């Protein structure tokens, strides 16, 4: 999973993986559960950032996602 951020839309995260394709989700607690397909992304306006920056969203690969999967 790769995580991206856009200066144009700071209230959203963008992510890409083979399993999910391109998705966007709110930059809020639990935002990963509100993800939806991302379309029309301009690659010039997004930058890859470390996955741990979205730790509170539940994105796979984040510390909170790891704790939740261990608890299940």
N, C-alpha and C. Protein backbone atom coordinates (compact mmCIF):
# COMPACT_ATOMS: atom_id res chain seq x y z
N UNK A 1 0.85 -1.18 0.00
CA UNK A 1 0.00 0.00 0.00
C UNK A 1 0.89 1.23 0.00
N UNK A 2 0.61 2.15 -0.92
CA UNK A 2 1.32 3.42 -0.95
C UNK A 2 0.33 4.53 -0.65
N UNK A 3 0.76 5.50 0.12
CA UNK A 3 -0.08 6.60 0.56
C UNK A 3 0.39 7.89 -0.10
N UNK A 4 -0.58 8.72 -0.49
CA UNK A 4 -0.28 9.98 -1.16
C UNK A 4 -1.08 11.11 -0.54
N UNK A 5 -0.55 12.33 -0.71
CA UNK A 5 -1.24 13.53 -0.23
C UNK A 5 -1.21 14.58 -1.32
N UNK A 6 -2.23 15.40 -1.38
CA UNK A 6 -2.32 16.48 -2.35
C UNK A 6 -2.45 17.81 -1.62
N UNK A 7 -1.69 18.81 -2.05
CA UNK A 7 -1.83 20.14 -1.47
C UNK A 7 -3.19 20.74 -1.82
N UNK A 8 -3.75 20.32 -2.94
CA UNK A 8 -5.03 20.86 -3.38
C UNK A 8 -6.20 20.34 -2.55
N UNK A 9 -6.07 19.13 -1.98
CA UNK A 9 -7.15 18.52 -1.20
C UNK A 9 -6.59 17.97 0.11
N UNK A 10 -6.21 18.84 1.05
CA UNK A 10 -5.58 18.38 2.29
C UNK A 10 -6.52 17.59 3.21
N UNK A 11 -7.81 17.62 2.93
CA UNK A 11 -8.76 16.88 3.77
C UNK A 11 -8.91 15.43 3.32
N UNK A 12 -8.14 15.01 2.31
CA UNK A 12 -8.20 13.64 1.79
C UNK A 12 -6.83 13.00 1.75
N UNK A 13 -6.84 11.68 1.87
CA UNK A 13 -5.69 10.86 1.58
C UNK A 13 -5.99 10.11 0.30
N UNK A 14 -4.95 9.77 -0.42
CA UNK A 14 -5.06 8.91 -1.60
C UNK A 14 -4.16 7.71 -1.36
N UNK A 15 -4.59 6.55 -1.83
CA UNK A 15 -3.79 5.34 -1.65
C UNK A 15 -3.88 4.49 -2.91
N UNK A 16 -2.85 3.68 -3.10
CA UNK A 16 -2.84 2.77 -4.24
C UNK A 16 -2.18 1.46 -3.85
N UNK A 17 -2.81 0.39 -4.27
CA UNK A 17 -2.21 -0.95 -4.16
C UNK A 17 -2.82 -1.80 -5.26
N UNK A 18 -2.21 -2.93 -5.50
CA UNK A 18 -2.75 -3.85 -6.51
C UNK A 18 -4.13 -4.33 -6.11
N UNK A 19 -4.33 -4.55 -4.80
CA UNK A 19 -5.62 -5.06 -4.32
C UNK A 19 -6.74 -4.04 -4.42
N UNK A 20 -6.45 -2.77 -4.13
CA UNK A 20 -7.51 -1.76 -4.06
C UNK A 20 -7.59 -0.86 -5.29
N UNK A 21 -6.50 -0.77 -6.05
CA UNK A 21 -6.43 0.25 -7.10
C UNK A 21 -6.28 1.60 -6.43
N UNK A 22 -6.66 2.67 -7.13
CA UNK A 22 -6.59 4.02 -6.56
C UNK A 22 -7.85 4.29 -5.75
N UNK A 23 -7.68 4.68 -4.50
CA UNK A 23 -8.81 5.06 -3.65
C UNK A 23 -8.50 6.38 -2.95
N UNK A 24 -9.55 7.05 -2.53
CA UNK A 24 -9.40 8.26 -1.71
C UNK A 24 -10.27 8.08 -0.49
N UNK A 25 -9.86 8.73 0.60
CA UNK A 25 -10.62 8.61 1.83
C UNK A 25 -10.36 9.83 2.70
N UNK A 26 -11.31 10.16 3.57
CA UNK A 26 -11.16 11.35 4.40
C UNK A 26 -10.00 11.23 5.39
N UNK A 27 -9.35 12.34 5.65
CA UNK A 27 -8.25 12.38 6.61
C UNK A 27 -8.81 12.58 8.02
N UNK A 28 -9.58 11.59 8.47
CA UNK A 28 -10.22 11.62 9.78
C UNK A 28 -10.05 10.26 10.44
N UNK A 29 -10.33 10.19 11.73
CA UNK A 29 -10.30 8.90 12.42
C UNK A 29 -11.23 7.93 11.71
N UNK A 30 -10.72 6.75 11.39
CA UNK A 30 -11.54 5.73 10.73
C UNK A 30 -11.86 6.04 9.28
N UNK A 31 -11.19 7.00 8.69
CA UNK A 31 -11.49 7.41 7.31
C UNK A 31 -11.34 6.31 6.28
N UNK A 32 -10.47 5.33 6.53
CA UNK A 32 -10.27 4.24 5.58
C UNK A 32 -11.57 3.50 5.30
N UNK A 33 -12.44 3.43 6.27
CA UNK A 33 -13.72 2.72 6.10
C UNK A 33 -14.69 3.50 5.21
N UNK A 34 -14.36 4.75 4.90
CA UNK A 34 -15.20 5.57 4.03
C UNK A 34 -14.55 5.77 2.66
N UNK A 35 -13.59 4.91 2.34
CA UNK A 35 -12.87 5.07 1.08
C UNK A 35 -13.79 4.83 -0.12
N UNK A 36 -13.39 5.44 -1.23
CA UNK A 36 -14.12 5.27 -2.48
C UNK A 36 -13.13 5.34 -3.63
N UNK A 37 -13.50 4.84 -4.78
CA UNK A 37 -12.57 4.89 -5.92
C UNK A 37 -12.17 6.33 -6.22
N UNK A 38 -10.90 6.50 -6.54
CA UNK A 38 -10.38 7.83 -6.90
C UNK A 38 -10.22 7.89 -8.41
N UNK A 39 -10.76 8.92 -8.99
CA UNK A 39 -10.68 9.09 -10.44
C UNK A 39 -10.15 10.48 -10.75
N UNK A 40 -9.50 10.61 -11.89
CA UNK A 40 -9.04 11.92 -12.33
C UNK A 40 -7.91 12.50 -11.49
N UNK A 41 -7.09 11.63 -10.91
CA UNK A 41 -5.98 12.11 -10.09
C UNK A 41 -4.89 12.67 -11.00
N UNK A 42 -4.46 13.87 -10.70
CA UNK A 42 -3.36 14.49 -11.45
C UNK A 42 -2.05 14.13 -10.74
N UNK A 43 -1.21 13.30 -11.35
CA UNK A 43 0.01 12.85 -10.67
C UNK A 43 0.97 13.99 -10.33
N UNK A 44 0.80 15.13 -10.94
CA UNK A 44 1.67 16.27 -10.63
C UNK A 44 1.30 16.88 -9.28
N UNK A 45 0.06 16.71 -8.84
CA UNK A 45 -0.38 17.36 -7.60
C UNK A 45 -0.30 16.48 -6.37
N UNK A 46 0.08 15.20 -6.51
CA UNK A 46 0.17 14.32 -5.34
C UNK A 46 1.62 13.90 -5.10
N UNK A 47 1.92 13.63 -3.84
CA UNK A 47 3.25 13.17 -3.45
C UNK A 47 3.10 11.98 -2.51
N UNK A 48 3.97 10.99 -2.70
CA UNK A 48 3.95 9.83 -1.81
C UNK A 48 4.47 10.24 -0.43
N UNK A 49 3.80 9.74 0.59
CA UNK A 49 4.19 10.01 1.97
C UNK A 49 4.19 8.68 2.74
N UNK A 50 4.86 8.60 3.88
CA UNK A 50 4.87 7.36 4.66
C UNK A 50 3.46 6.97 5.14
N UNK A 51 3.16 5.70 5.09
CA UNK A 51 1.84 5.20 5.49
C UNK A 51 1.52 5.55 6.94
N UNK A 52 2.52 5.59 7.80
CA UNK A 52 2.24 5.85 9.22
C UNK A 52 1.65 7.25 9.46
N UNK A 53 1.74 8.15 8.48
CA UNK A 53 1.13 9.47 8.66
C UNK A 53 -0.39 9.40 8.74
N UNK A 54 -0.97 8.35 8.19
CA UNK A 54 -2.43 8.16 8.25
C UNK A 54 -2.79 7.13 9.32
N UNK A 55 -2.02 7.11 10.40
CA UNK A 55 -2.16 6.07 11.42
C UNK A 55 -3.56 5.97 12.00
N UNK A 56 -4.28 7.09 12.11
CA UNK A 56 -5.59 7.06 12.77
C UNK A 56 -6.73 6.71 11.83
N UNK A 57 -6.45 6.51 10.55
CA UNK A 57 -7.52 6.24 9.59
C UNK A 57 -7.87 4.77 9.47
N UNK A 58 -6.97 3.89 9.92
CA UNK A 58 -7.20 2.46 9.79
C UNK A 58 -6.67 1.89 8.48
N UNK A 59 -5.90 2.66 7.72
CA UNK A 59 -5.33 2.17 6.46
C UNK A 59 -4.45 0.95 6.72
N UNK A 60 -4.54 -0.09 5.89
CA UNK A 60 -3.66 -1.25 6.07
C UNK A 60 -2.19 -0.83 6.06
N UNK A 61 -1.43 -1.34 7.01
CA UNK A 61 -0.03 -0.99 7.13
C UNK A 61 0.25 0.05 8.20
N UNK A 62 -0.81 0.66 8.73
CA UNK A 62 -0.62 1.65 9.79
C UNK A 62 -0.58 0.94 11.13
N UNK A 63 0.01 1.57 12.15
CA UNK A 63 0.08 0.93 13.47
C UNK A 63 -1.28 0.55 14.04
N UNK A 64 -2.29 1.38 13.86
CA UNK A 64 -3.62 1.08 14.41
C UNK A 64 -4.25 -0.09 13.66
N UNK A 65 -4.06 -0.17 12.36
CA UNK A 65 -4.60 -1.29 11.59
C UNK A 65 -3.98 -2.59 12.06
N UNK A 66 -2.68 -2.56 12.38
CA UNK A 66 -2.00 -3.76 12.87
C UNK A 66 -2.57 -4.20 14.21
N UNK A 67 -2.83 -3.26 15.10
CA UNK A 67 -3.40 -3.58 16.41
C UNK A 67 -4.80 -4.14 16.26
N UNK A 68 -5.59 -3.55 15.39
CA UNK A 68 -6.97 -4.02 15.18
C UNK A 68 -6.99 -5.43 14.59
N UNK A 69 -6.08 -5.73 13.67
CA UNK A 69 -6.07 -7.07 13.08
C UNK A 69 -5.60 -8.11 14.08
N UNK A 70 -4.71 -7.74 15.01
CA UNK A 70 -4.28 -8.66 16.06
C UNK A 70 -5.41 -8.95 17.04
N UNK A 71 -6.25 -7.96 17.28
CA UNK A 71 -7.36 -8.11 18.23
C UNK A 71 -8.48 -8.96 17.66
N UNK A 72 -8.57 -9.05 16.37
CA UNK A 72 -9.69 -9.78 15.72
C UNK A 72 -9.52 -11.26 15.79
